[in-house]
Amino acid sequence: MGVRTLGRLLRLGLPVILILALSTPVAAQVSVTDSLHISARVDQERMTVGDALIYTIVVNSPPSAVVEWPDLTKTIGPFDVRSFEHDGPHAIDNGQFADTLRYALTVFEVGAHTIPPFELPYTLTVSARESDASRLAIADSLEIAVVSVIDDEATDIRDLKDPAELPDSIPWYVWVTSLGLMLALVAAAVYYYRRRGREEAVPEAPAAEARKPAHELAYEELASLAEKGLVDQGMVANHYTELSEIIRRYLSRRYQILAMEITTTELLEGLNDKDFRDTDRELLANLLGECDLVKFARYIPTKTLQHQTINRVQTLVTATKLVLDIPVPVEGPSEAVVSSSP
């Protein structure tokens, strides 16, 4: 190969080498930054009406991504949002960040329902020479089967067994023993219901406490709950259980309803014909729904929300307490005028 030929090859190959060297970092930068990932899951695909469903969104994003977090705090499709918690961002492997959105959902209609696809807009910086790219990450929709409590329990019903064959003659002592057991059961049932009726008819509360207004008793019970400091001790379930009982006892005294014996849905329906404002109803529904989630769905609210519960109940009691308009006698100058007359 001559010197002239070698020089020609160098002149032709040098620009190609420079182009490959400059283009490789740009391609690597795009592949590294374009890596936002979103996934959705639920803790159950079959639920009973009114129960809680935990809907979790996990987002893994690079540092160059600016995410536009959605404002889904009331409804997601046909589901009502009972509570919402955003955990993150937390640094993970490969220099990325992880965010977790956790929703507690409920629905009051039986049938097949769909949680719609979760859309998450974000902006990704590709390079210093290129403008930011607006993109959209989408998590798949999820199908949820909602059944009534009766239908859910009906799956456990088994077929009846064949009738047992009785002997031709039953000994007399079997009849006597059976009759004695039946009489004992009847006597126990009568005693139980009479005792329960006396307990419900005559409360064991002192006479001085019975004369107190319902809101004053609620204030005292809330102050006692605050002194226990259950939240600071990590006894979250105990705190919400006592809080739910305080709310229900107050509503029983204030509106003369059996709030301790019915469900949250029945309680809210029972207040329809009462003097109860929509804002107070919404606050009550949020409080009782939060208590139900902690007691029945093992939901743990944030520390801030836990410490706010007593103040929220006090606000509800203050807004709904019974205020009696008792006229106050006005002292006038009539007595002075009479005493000064001759």
Protein backbone atom coordinates (compact mmCIF):
# COMPACT_ATOMS: atom_id res chain seq x y z
CA MET A 1 0.00 0.00 0.00
CA GLY A 2 1.43 3.31 -1.01
CA VAL A 3 1.73 6.43 1.11
CA ARG A 4 -0.83 8.24 -1.02
CA THR A 5 -3.40 5.44 -0.55
CA LEU A 6 -2.84 5.35 3.24
CA GLY A 7 -3.35 9.07 3.51
CA ARG A 8 -6.63 8.85 1.57
CA LEU A 9 -7.94 6.15 3.95
CA LEU A 10 -7.06 8.24 6.98
CA ARG A 11 -8.89 11.26 5.55
CA LEU A 12 -12.03 9.19 4.90
CA GLY A 13 -12.02 7.20 8.19
CA LEU A 14 -11.26 10.04 10.62
CA PRO A 15 -14.66 11.79 10.24
CA VAL A 16 -16.47 8.47 10.71
CA ILE A 17 -14.54 7.79 13.91
CA LEU A 18 -15.33 11.28 15.25
CA ILE A 19 -19.06 10.87 14.47
CA LEU A 20 -19.22 7.54 16.31
CA ALA A 21 -17.33 8.93 19.30
CA LEU A 22 -19.66 11.93 19.63
CA SER A 23 -22.90 10.02 19.07
CA THR A 24 -22.25 7.20 21.59
CA PRO A 25 -22.54 9.30 24.81
CA VAL A 26 -25.83 10.84 23.63
CA ALA A 27 -27.41 7.43 22.99
CA ALA A 28 -26.24 6.18 26.40
CA GLN A 29 -27.70 9.25 28.10
CA VAL A 30 -31.13 8.65 26.53
CA SER A 31 -31.19 5.00 27.54
CA VAL A 32 -30.28 5.82 31.16
CA THR A 33 -32.68 8.72 31.75
CA ASP A 34 -35.67 7.25 29.92
CA SER A 35 -36.46 4.74 32.67
CA LEU A 36 -39.52 5.89 34.67
CA HIS A 37 -41.57 2.83 35.64
CA ILE A 38 -45.05 2.70 37.22
CA SER A 39 -46.98 -0.30 38.54
CA ALA A 40 -50.34 -0.79 40.30
CA ARG A 41 -51.63 -3.51 42.61
CA VAL A 42 -54.44 -4.19 45.10
CA ASP A 43 -54.48 -6.28 48.25
CA GLN A 44 -57.59 -8.19 47.11
CA GLU A 45 -59.50 -8.75 43.88
CA ARG A 46 -62.77 -9.73 45.61
CA MET A 47 -64.34 -7.66 48.36
CA THR A 48 -67.65 -7.22 50.14
CA VAL A 49 -69.63 -4.02 49.73
CA GLY A 50 -68.49 -1.26 52.07
CA ASP A 51 -65.16 -2.94 52.93
CA ALA A 52 -61.76 -1.31 52.47
CA LEU A 53 -59.50 -2.01 49.48
CA ILE A 54 -55.83 -0.95 49.52
CA TYR A 55 -54.76 0.33 46.07
CA THR A 56 -50.99 0.87 45.74
CA ILE A 57 -49.07 2.70 43.01
CA VAL A 58 -45.26 2.30 42.89
CA VAL A 59 -43.25 4.78 40.80
CA ASN A 60 -39.52 4.39 40.06
CA SER A 61 -38.12 7.52 38.42
CA PRO A 62 -34.68 8.87 37.47
CA PRO A 63 -33.34 12.15 38.94
CA SER A 64 -34.00 13.93 35.63
CA ALA A 65 -37.76 13.24 35.79
CA VAL A 66 -40.20 15.85 37.12
CA VAL A 67 -43.44 14.06 38.01
CA GLU A 68 -46.87 15.75 38.07
CA TRP A 69 -48.57 13.96 40.95
CA PRO A 70 -52.36 13.65 40.50
CA ASP A 71 -54.96 15.08 42.88
CA LEU A 72 -57.03 11.93 43.48
CA THR A 73 -58.32 12.46 47.01
CA LYS A 74 -62.08 11.91 46.57
CA THR A 75 -62.82 9.28 43.93
CA ILE A 76 -60.99 6.87 41.61
CA GLY A 77 -63.47 5.60 39.06
CA PRO A 78 -66.48 4.16 40.94
CA PHE A 79 -64.51 3.92 44.21
CA ASP A 80 -64.56 6.47 47.03
CA VAL A 81 -61.20 7.43 48.55
CA ARG A 82 -61.28 6.94 52.32
CA SER A 83 -57.65 7.94 52.89
CA PHE A 84 -54.47 8.66 50.92
CA GLU A 85 -50.76 8.44 51.77
CA HIS A 86 -47.72 9.42 49.70
CA ASP A 87 -44.48 7.78 50.81
CA GLY A 88 -41.32 9.06 49.16
CA PRO A 89 -39.21 9.81 47.35
CA HIS A 90 -36.63 7.29 48.57
CA ALA A 91 -33.28 6.66 46.87
CA ILE A 92 -32.93 3.15 45.42
CA ASP A 93 -30.49 1.31 43.17
CA ASN A 94 -29.16 2.75 39.87
CA GLY A 95 -29.49 6.29 41.20
CA GLN A 96 -33.27 6.28 40.87
CA PHE A 97 -35.99 7.29 43.33
CA ALA A 98 -39.06 5.36 44.50
CA ASP A 99 -42.45 6.85 45.44
CA THR A 100 -45.41 4.88 46.80
CA LEU A 101 -49.01 6.15 46.57
CA ARG A 102 -51.36 4.23 48.84
CA TYR A 103 -55.16 4.65 48.59
CA ALA A 104 -57.83 3.12 50.82
CA LEU A 105 -60.85 2.64 48.54
CA THR A 106 -64.44 1.55 49.17
CA VAL A 107 -67.56 1.09 47.06
CA PHE A 108 -71.20 0.57 47.97
CA GLU A 109 -72.48 -1.04 44.75
CA VAL A 110 -72.45 -4.78 44.14
CA GLY A 111 -71.03 -6.09 40.84
CA ALA A 112 -67.88 -6.01 38.73
CA HIS A 113 -66.01 -2.70 38.98
CA THR A 114 -62.88 -1.45 37.26
CA ILE A 115 -60.14 0.73 38.71
CA PRO A 116 -59.24 2.82 35.64
CA PRO A 117 -55.68 3.04 34.30
CA PHE A 118 -53.52 5.26 36.48
CA GLU A 119 -52.00 8.04 34.33
CA LEU A 120 -48.91 9.88 35.55
CA PRO A 121 -47.58 12.78 33.43
CA TYR A 122 -43.91 13.66 33.80
CA THR A 123 -41.18 15.69 32.12
CA LEU A 124 -37.82 14.11 31.28
CA THR A 125 -34.63 16.04 30.58
CA VAL A 126 -32.83 14.30 27.72
CA SER A 127 -29.72 16.46 27.35
CA ALA A 128 -28.53 20.02 27.75
CA ARG A 129 -28.84 20.60 24.00
CA GLU A 130 -32.36 19.21 23.71
CA SER A 131 -35.61 20.51 25.20
CA ASP A 132 -37.39 18.61 27.96
CA ALA A 133 -39.73 15.86 26.78
CA SER A 134 -43.25 15.58 28.22
CA ARG A 135 -44.31 12.00 28.61
CA LEU A 136 -47.09 9.92 30.15
CA ALA A 137 -46.70 6.73 32.20
CA ILE A 138 -49.76 4.51 32.49
CA ALA A 139 -50.47 1.64 34.88
CA ASP A 140 -52.90 -1.05 33.80
CA SER A 141 -56.52 -1.05 34.97
CA LEU A 142 -57.60 -3.56 37.62
CA GLU A 143 -60.84 -5.55 37.83
CA ILE A 144 -62.52 -5.85 41.24
CA ALA A 145 -65.49 -8.08 42.13
CA VAL A 146 -67.79 -6.59 44.79
CA VAL A 147 -70.33 -8.87 46.46
CA SER A 148 -72.85 -8.34 49.23
CA VAL A 149 -72.25 -9.71 52.70
CA ILE A 150 -75.06 -12.25 52.21
CA ASP A 151 -73.67 -13.51 48.89
CA ASP A 152 -70.16 -13.76 50.32
CA GLU A 153 -71.36 -15.86 53.25
CA ALA A 154 -73.59 -17.98 51.01
CA THR A 155 -70.51 -19.66 49.48
CA ASP A 156 -69.94 -21.44 52.78
CA ILE A 157 -73.41 -23.05 52.84
CA ARG A 158 -73.26 -26.80 52.33
CA ASP A 159 -75.93 -29.26 51.27
CA LEU A 160 -78.14 -30.77 53.93
CA LYS A 161 -77.31 -34.21 55.15
CA ASP A 162 -79.72 -37.07 54.78
CA PRO A 163 -82.14 -37.42 57.70
CA ALA A 164 -80.91 -39.68 60.44
CA GLU A 165 -82.85 -42.83 61.13
CA LEU A 166 -84.38 -42.95 64.62
CA PRO A 167 -84.79 -46.19 66.49
CA ASP A 168 -88.27 -47.63 66.88
CA SER A 169 -88.37 -46.92 70.61
CA ILE A 170 -86.51 -44.26 72.62
CA PRO A 171 -85.71 -45.01 76.27
CA TRP A 172 -87.58 -42.93 78.86
CA TYR A 173 -84.38 -41.48 80.36
CA VAL A 174 -83.49 -39.93 76.99
CA TRP A 175 -86.80 -38.06 76.99
CA VAL A 176 -86.29 -36.89 80.58
CA THR A 177 -82.74 -35.71 79.90
CA SER A 178 -83.78 -33.87 76.75
CA LEU A 179 -86.67 -32.18 78.52
CA GLY A 180 -84.40 -31.09 81.37
CA LEU A 181 -81.88 -29.58 78.97
CA MET A 182 -84.61 -27.70 77.12
CA LEU A 183 -86.02 -26.28 80.36
CA ALA A 184 -82.53 -25.23 81.46
CA LEU A 185 -81.91 -23.46 78.14
CA VAL A 186 -85.26 -21.66 78.30
CA ALA A 187 -84.59 -20.53 81.87
CA ALA A 188 -81.10 -19.28 80.94
CA ALA A 189 -82.48 -17.37 77.94
CA VAL A 190 -85.21 -15.74 80.02
CA TYR A 191 -82.71 -14.73 82.70
CA TYR A 192 -80.29 -13.31 80.12
CA TYR A 193 -82.87 -11.18 78.32
CA ARG A 194 -84.39 -9.89 81.54
CA ARG A 195 -81.00 -8.90 82.86
CA ARG A 196 -80.08 -7.27 79.55
CA GLY A 197 -83.38 -5.37 79.54
CA ARG A 198 -82.71 -4.04 83.03
CA GLU A 199 -79.21 -2.95 82.06
CA GLU A 200 -80.50 -1.10 78.98
CA ALA A 201 -83.47 0.46 80.79
CA VAL A 202 -81.47 1.62 83.84
CA PRO A 203 -78.00 2.90 82.95
CA GLU A 204 -75.37 2.48 85.61
CA ALA A 205 -74.15 6.05 85.16
CA PRO A 206 -74.37 8.26 88.27
CA ALA A 207 -77.26 10.70 88.53
CA ALA A 208 -74.90 13.68 88.32
CA GLU A 209 -73.44 12.33 85.07
CA ALA A 210 -76.89 11.65 83.64
CA ARG A 211 -77.79 15.31 84.07
CA LYS A 212 -74.77 16.50 82.10
CA PRO A 213 -75.30 17.45 78.45
CA ALA A 214 -74.05 14.98 75.86
CA HIS A 215 -71.31 17.31 74.62
CA GLU A 216 -69.83 17.83 78.10
CA LEU A 217 -69.59 14.06 78.62
CA ALA A 218 -67.92 13.74 75.20
CA TYR A 219 -65.38 16.47 76.08
CA GLU A 220 -64.51 14.65 79.31
CA GLU A 221 -64.09 11.31 77.55
CA LEU A 222 -61.87 12.88 74.87
CA ALA A 223 -59.71 14.51 77.55
CA SER A 224 -59.35 11.14 79.29
CA LEU A 225 -58.37 9.51 75.99
CA ALA A 226 -55.75 12.20 75.36
CA GLU A 227 -54.23 11.63 78.82
CA LYS A 228 -53.73 7.93 78.06
CA GLY A 229 -51.37 8.80 75.18
CA LEU A 230 -52.17 5.64 73.22
CA VAL A 231 -50.87 7.11 69.96
CA ASP A 232 -47.46 7.89 71.44
CA GLN A 233 -47.32 4.35 72.87
CA GLY A 234 -47.97 2.83 69.42
CA MET A 235 -51.39 1.47 70.45
CA VAL A 236 -53.09 2.82 67.33
CA ALA A 237 -55.89 0.22 67.17
CA ASN A 238 -56.84 0.80 70.82
CA HIS A 239 -56.86 4.57 70.28
CA TYR A 240 -59.22 4.37 67.29
CA THR A 241 -61.47 1.81 69.01
CA GLU A 242 -62.02 4.08 72.02
CA LEU A 243 -62.42 7.08 69.72
CA SER A 244 -65.19 5.30 67.76
CA GLU A 245 -67.00 4.40 70.99
CA ILE A 246 -66.82 8.01 72.23
CA ILE A 247 -68.34 9.26 68.96
CA ARG A 248 -71.13 6.68 69.05
CA ARG A 249 -71.95 7.31 72.73
CA TYR A 250 -72.20 11.02 72.04
CA LEU A 251 -74.54 10.51 69.07
CA SER A 252 -76.68 8.11 71.14
CA ARG A 253 -77.12 10.70 73.91
CA ARG A 254 -77.45 13.68 71.59
CA TYR A 255 -79.91 12.28 69.03
CA GLN A 256 -81.50 9.40 71.01
CA ILE A 257 -80.46 6.68 68.55
CA LEU A 258 -78.85 3.26 69.05
CA ALA A 259 -75.51 4.31 67.62
CA MET A 260 -73.63 1.56 69.50
CA GLU A 261 -75.65 -1.27 67.92
CA ILE A 262 -75.57 -0.39 64.19
CA THR A 263 -73.04 -0.13 61.38
CA THR A 264 -71.50 3.09 60.12
CA THR A 265 -73.73 3.08 57.03
CA GLU A 266 -76.88 2.55 59.12
CA LEU A 267 -75.78 5.30 61.51
CA LEU A 268 -75.33 7.84 58.72
CA GLU A 269 -78.74 6.88 57.29
CA GLY A 270 -80.33 7.26 60.73
CA LEU A 271 -79.17 10.88 60.89
CA ASN A 272 -81.03 11.82 57.69
CA ASP A 273 -84.07 13.06 59.58
CA LYS A 274 -81.99 14.82 62.23
CA ASP A 275 -80.75 18.38 62.28
CA PHE A 276 -77.36 17.43 60.82
CA ARG A 277 -75.52 19.65 58.34
CA ASP A 278 -73.77 18.26 55.27
CA THR A 279 -70.35 19.47 56.46
CA ASP A 280 -70.84 17.75 59.82
CA ARG A 281 -72.02 14.58 58.07
CA GLU A 282 -68.90 14.54 55.89
CA LEU A 283 -66.65 14.99 58.95
CA LEU A 284 -68.50 12.20 60.80
CA ALA A 285 -68.25 9.85 57.79
CA ASN A 286 -64.50 10.47 57.50
CA LEU A 287 -63.92 9.87 61.22
CA LEU A 288 -65.96 6.66 61.43
CA GLY A 289 -64.58 5.41 58.12
CA GLU A 290 -61.04 5.96 59.37
CA CYS A 291 -61.85 4.10 62.62
CA ASP A 292 -63.37 1.20 60.66
CA LEU A 293 -60.31 0.92 58.43
CA VAL A 294 -57.99 0.73 61.43
CA LYS A 295 -60.18 -1.82 63.27
CA PHE A 296 -61.15 -4.08 60.37
CA ALA A 297 -58.61 -3.52 57.56
CA ARG A 298 -55.43 -3.10 59.65
CA TYR A 299 -54.88 0.35 58.12
CA ILE A 300 -52.30 2.53 59.87
CA PRO A 301 -52.82 6.30 59.29
CA THR A 302 -49.95 8.74 59.37
CA LYS A 303 -48.73 10.08 62.71
CA THR A 304 -50.05 13.53 61.86
CA LEU A 305 -53.52 12.13 61.18
CA GLN A 306 -53.44 10.09 64.39
CA HIS A 307 -52.66 13.14 66.52
CA GLN A 308 -55.43 15.16 64.84
CA THR A 309 -58.25 12.71 65.63
CA ILE A 310 -59.19 14.08 69.06
CA ASN A 311 -59.33 17.67 67.77
CA ARG A 312 -61.49 16.56 64.83
CA VAL A 313 -63.96 14.83 67.15
CA GLN A 314 -64.05 17.93 69.39
CA THR A 315 -64.88 20.00 66.32
CA LEU A 316 -67.73 17.63 65.44
CA VAL A 317 -69.13 17.72 68.99
CA THR A 318 -68.93 21.51 69.15
CA ALA A 319 -70.69 21.88 65.80
CA THR A 320 -73.54 19.49 66.68
CA LYS A 321 -74.04 20.01 70.42
CA LEU A 322 -77.49 20.90 71.71
CA VAL A 323 -77.75 24.56 72.70
CA LEU A 324 -80.78 25.50 74.78
CA ASP A 325 -81.99 29.09 74.49
CA ILE A 326 -82.89 29.83 78.15
CA PRO A 327 -84.05 33.42 78.66
CA VAL A 328 -82.01 35.29 81.25
CA PRO A 329 -84.04 37.68 83.49
CA VAL A 330 -83.09 41.27 83.00
CA GLU A 331 -82.79 43.32 86.17
CA GLY A 332 -84.60 46.61 85.80
CA PRO A 333 -85.03 49.70 87.96
CA SER A 334 -88.57 48.70 89.01
CA GLU A 335 -87.57 47.73 92.57
CA ALA A 336 -85.63 50.93 93.10
CA VAL A 337 -88.55 52.99 91.92
CA VAL A 338 -90.95 51.19 94.30
CA SER A 339 -88.65 51.57 97.29
CA SER A 340 -88.22 55.28 96.72
CA SER A 341 -91.92 56.04 96.50
CA PRO A 342 -93.50 57.61 99.63
